[in-house]
Amino acid sequence: MTTIVKRGETFRRSLRLTYAETGLTVDLSDCQVYSQMRTCPGGMLVGTGACTINSDTGTIYALWTAEKTSAMQTGKYGYDVWVVNGDERKPIYTELVEVVDPYTENMPPLEEGDDVSY
């Protein structure tokens, strides 16, 4: 599944980390997190987003501002969130994102024979 992000709109993610075996919250108190957009999953870096952590709930909040999404070209990207703890660095979340033009995304398709005037 691909997440649609309109250029010029804020893109947010919140991720709560728990251990699969126990359901207990992952302790993120000594960690740093960051998010990235890449040309494709594992591809060239396009930019980084802001991240904050709530250590009590094991939640990561990732944010791409409207200003950052405005500067992006339309197209498909790989989006990921990474956790850093000391020398250990792990990707914990990846998804496909498609950045679309907010003005043309919701336009109905033209049917053959439709008249178009400017």
Protein backbone atom coordinates (compact mmCIF):
# COMPACT_ATOMS: atom_id res chain seq x y z
CA MET A 1 0.00 0.00 0.00
CA THR A 2 1.21 3.52 -0.81
CA THR A 3 0.48 6.56 1.35
CA ILE A 4 -0.55 9.66 -0.60
CA VAL A 5 0.95 12.97 0.54
CA LYS A 6 -0.13 16.20 -1.13
CA ARG A 7 2.64 18.71 -1.77
CA GLY A 8 2.37 21.55 0.72
CA GLU A 9 0.60 19.48 3.38
CA THR A 10 2.14 18.23 6.62
CA PHE A 11 2.90 14.49 6.77
CA ARG A 12 2.87 12.86 10.22
CA ARG A 13 3.47 9.38 11.58
CA SER A 14 3.28 8.08 15.14
CA LEU A 15 4.78 4.69 15.89
CA ARG A 16 4.44 2.91 19.22
CA LEU A 17 7.16 0.33 19.81
CA THR A 18 6.39 -2.75 21.87
CA TYR A 19 8.04 -6.15 22.19
CA ALA A 20 6.10 -8.71 20.13
CA GLU A 21 6.52 -11.48 22.71
CA THR A 22 5.33 -9.54 25.76
CA GLY A 23 3.57 -6.41 24.50
CA LEU A 24 5.73 -4.34 26.85
CA THR A 25 6.82 -0.87 25.74
CA VAL A 26 10.32 -0.56 24.29
CA ASP A 27 12.50 1.74 26.42
CA LEU A 28 13.60 4.57 24.13
CA SER A 29 15.06 6.81 26.84
CA ASP A 30 18.67 6.46 25.58
CA CYS A 31 17.75 6.55 21.90
CA GLN A 32 17.61 9.08 19.11
CA VAL A 33 15.33 8.76 16.10
CA TYR A 34 15.19 10.23 12.63
CA SER A 35 13.12 9.82 9.49
CA GLN A 36 14.15 9.92 5.85
CA MET A 37 12.68 10.13 2.37
CA ARG A 38 14.60 8.28 -0.30
CA THR A 39 14.19 7.91 -4.06
CA CYS A 40 12.94 4.38 -3.30
CA PRO A 41 13.31 2.07 -0.28
CA GLY A 42 17.06 1.94 0.32
CA GLY A 43 17.68 4.48 -2.47
CA MET A 44 19.37 7.87 -2.50
CA LEU A 45 18.52 10.25 0.33
CA VAL A 46 16.10 13.07 -0.56
CA GLY A 47 15.74 14.63 2.89
CA THR A 48 15.20 14.10 6.60
CA GLY A 49 12.22 14.84 8.80
CA ALA A 50 11.86 15.82 12.44
CA CYS A 51 11.26 13.16 15.10
CA THR A 52 10.50 13.23 18.81
CA ILE A 53 10.21 10.44 21.36
CA ASN A 54 7.85 9.85 24.27
CA SER A 55 9.94 7.38 26.30
CA ASP A 56 7.08 6.61 28.71
CA THR A 57 4.83 5.24 25.97
CA GLY A 58 7.51 4.03 23.54
CA THR A 59 6.07 6.31 20.87
CA ILE A 60 7.96 8.03 18.08
CA TYR A 61 6.40 11.06 16.41
CA ALA A 62 7.71 11.82 12.93
CA LEU A 63 6.91 15.03 11.07
CA TRP A 64 7.48 16.38 7.59
CA THR A 65 6.41 20.01 7.51
CA ALA A 66 4.32 21.57 4.76
CA GLU A 67 7.42 23.53 3.78
CA LYS A 68 9.41 20.30 3.25
CA THR A 69 6.66 18.55 1.25
CA SER A 70 6.24 21.70 -0.88
CA ALA A 71 9.89 21.44 -1.90
CA MET A 72 9.55 17.79 -2.98
CA GLN A 73 8.94 16.73 -6.56
CA THR A 74 5.82 14.70 -7.28
CA GLY A 75 6.54 10.97 -7.45
CA LYS A 76 7.07 7.88 -5.36
CA TYR A 77 9.49 7.68 -2.45
CA GLY A 78 10.64 5.27 0.22
CA TYR A 79 9.97 6.62 3.72
CA ASP A 80 11.71 5.18 6.77
CA VAL A 81 12.24 5.76 10.49
CA TRP A 82 15.47 4.80 12.22
CA VAL A 83 16.40 4.36 15.89
CA VAL A 84 19.94 5.03 17.11
CA ASN A 85 21.17 3.69 20.45
CA GLY A 86 24.90 4.24 20.95
CA ASP A 87 26.68 2.61 17.99
CA GLU A 88 23.61 0.58 17.00
CA ARG A 89 21.40 1.97 14.22
CA LYS A 90 18.24 0.16 13.05
CA PRO A 91 15.46 0.89 10.58
CA ILE A 92 12.19 0.22 12.40
CA TYR A 93 9.60 1.35 9.87
CA THR A 94 9.38 1.64 6.09
CA GLU A 95 6.57 2.56 3.75
CA LEU A 96 6.01 3.77 0.20
CA VAL A 97 4.90 7.39 -0.14
CA GLU A 98 3.61 9.09 -3.26
CA VAL A 99 3.83 12.87 -3.31
CA VAL A 100 1.11 14.31 -5.53
CA ASP A 101 0.17 17.76 -6.78
CA PRO A 102 -2.72 19.00 -4.60
CA TYR A 103 -4.37 20.72 -7.56
CA THR A 104 -4.50 17.82 -10.00
CA GLU A 105 -4.83 14.82 -7.65
CA ASN A 106 -8.62 15.15 -7.26
CA MET A 107 -9.52 16.14 -10.81
CA PRO A 108 -11.91 13.79 -12.60
CA PRO A 109 -10.39 11.99 -15.59
CA LEU A 110 -11.26 13.33 -19.03
CA GLU A 111 -13.46 11.14 -21.13
CA GLU A 112 -12.85 10.74 -24.83
CA GLY A 113 -14.69 13.50 -26.65
CA ASP A 114 -14.74 15.91 -23.67
CA ASP A 115 -14.17 19.51 -24.67
CA VAL A 116 -11.40 21.32 -22.84
CA SER A 117 -11.01 25.07 -23.14
CA TYR A 118 -8.59 27.47 -21.52
